[in-house]
Protein backbone atom coordinates (compact mmCIF):
# COMPACT_ATOMS: atom_id res chain seq x y z
CA UNK A 1 56.36 -82.88 -102.62
CA UNK A 2 52.78 -82.51 -103.56
CA UNK A 3 51.44 -79.86 -106.25
CA UNK A 4 49.71 -77.32 -104.93
CA UNK A 5 46.19 -77.05 -105.84
CA UNK A 6 44.96 -75.06 -109.20
CA UNK A 7 41.90 -74.02 -110.32
CA UNK A 8 40.84 -72.83 -113.80
CA UNK A 9 38.13 -69.98 -114.34
CA UNK A 10 36.69 -69.72 -117.84
CA UNK A 11 35.05 -66.66 -118.98
CA UNK A 12 32.93 -66.55 -122.22
CA UNK A 13 31.50 -63.57 -123.53
CA UNK A 14 28.54 -62.75 -125.54
CA UNK A 15 27.89 -59.28 -127.67
CA UNK A 16 24.55 -58.29 -128.55
CA UNK A 17 24.36 -54.96 -130.09
CA UNK A 18 25.29 -52.51 -127.42
CA UNK A 19 25.40 -55.03 -124.75
CA UNK A 20 28.54 -57.86 -123.40
CA UNK A 21 27.64 -60.54 -121.04
CA UNK A 22 30.54 -62.44 -119.27
CA UNK A 23 29.76 -65.98 -117.77
CA UNK A 24 32.68 -67.08 -115.25
CA UNK A 25 32.66 -71.10 -114.71
CA UNK A 26 34.54 -72.74 -112.06
CA UNK A 27 34.48 -76.25 -110.97
CA UNK A 28 35.98 -77.21 -107.53
CA UNK A 29 35.71 -80.36 -105.34
CA UNK A 30 32.29 -78.45 -103.91
CA UNK A 31 30.30 -78.36 -107.14
CA UNK A 32 30.47 -75.94 -110.03
CA UNK A 33 30.28 -72.13 -109.69
CA UNK A 34 28.93 -69.74 -112.28
CA UNK A 35 29.20 -66.16 -112.15
CA UNK A 36 27.62 -63.66 -114.55
CA UNK A 37 28.31 -59.72 -115.35
CA UNK A 38 27.23 -57.51 -117.93
CA UNK A 39 28.11 -54.05 -119.71
CA UNK A 40 25.76 -51.70 -121.99
CA UNK A 41 27.85 -49.24 -123.89
CA UNK A 42 25.97 -45.62 -124.14
CA UNK A 43 24.97 -44.77 -127.81
CA UNK A 44 27.25 -42.10 -127.82
CA UNK A 45 30.15 -43.65 -126.94
CA UNK A 46 33.21 -45.29 -129.40
CA UNK A 47 32.96 -49.25 -129.86
CA UNK A 48 35.88 -50.47 -128.22
CA UNK A 49 34.73 -54.23 -127.19
CA UNK A 50 37.66 -54.91 -124.72
CA UNK A 51 36.18 -52.29 -122.66
CA UNK A 52 32.83 -54.04 -122.27
CA UNK A 53 34.77 -57.32 -121.75
CA UNK A 54 36.52 -55.70 -118.94
CA UNK A 55 33.79 -54.60 -117.05
CA UNK A 56 31.49 -57.73 -117.91
CA UNK A 57 34.46 -59.79 -116.94
CA UNK A 58 34.90 -57.98 -113.41
CA UNK A 59 31.28 -58.20 -112.80
CA UNK A 60 31.17 -61.96 -113.75
CA UNK A 61 34.03 -62.58 -111.14
CA UNK A 62 32.88 -60.34 -108.52
CA UNK A 63 29.53 -62.15 -108.64
CA UNK A 64 31.84 -65.97 -109.21
CA UNK A 65 34.10 -64.28 -105.77
CA UNK A 66 30.70 -63.89 -103.83
CA UNK A 67 29.19 -67.53 -104.51
CA UNK A 68 32.59 -68.90 -103.33
CA UNK A 69 32.54 -67.15 -100.07
CA UNK A 70 28.81 -67.89 -99.47
CA UNK A 71 29.67 -71.61 -100.15
CA UNK A 72 32.60 -71.43 -97.68
CA UNK A 73 30.74 -69.96 -94.95
CA UNK A 74 28.14 -72.64 -95.14
CA UNK A 75 30.36 -75.04 -95.00
CA UNK A 76 31.97 -73.51 -91.96
CA UNK A 77 28.47 -73.28 -90.59
CA UNK A 78 27.29 -76.81 -91.40
CA UNK A 79 30.74 -77.82 -89.66
CA UNK A 80 30.74 -75.92 -86.53
CA UNK A 81 26.90 -75.80 -86.12
CA UNK A 82 26.55 -72.15 -85.80
CA UNK A 83 26.18 -69.04 -88.04
CA UNK A 84 29.07 -67.44 -89.55
CA UNK A 85 30.09 -64.34 -91.29
CA UNK A 86 32.55 -64.18 -94.03
CA UNK A 87 33.44 -60.83 -95.61
CA UNK A 88 35.13 -60.63 -98.77
């Protein structure tokens, strides 16, 4: 029995003042994909770093997902020789 493929996504954070940036990176056979997202805390809001991390990570993963969909569409187009539209 062959093991199922498994991808590992790394998410790293950078916090500067009231901004949190997340970088999500995955390396697959087709290459390396890097998504990013950002969150900003409003001045009157309490400082709860995990909220900024969750928002920034969600946005980075969304960006990463979009890139993977576009890459899959390009592979299909290259294989079939016609434009395709994939929805995510």
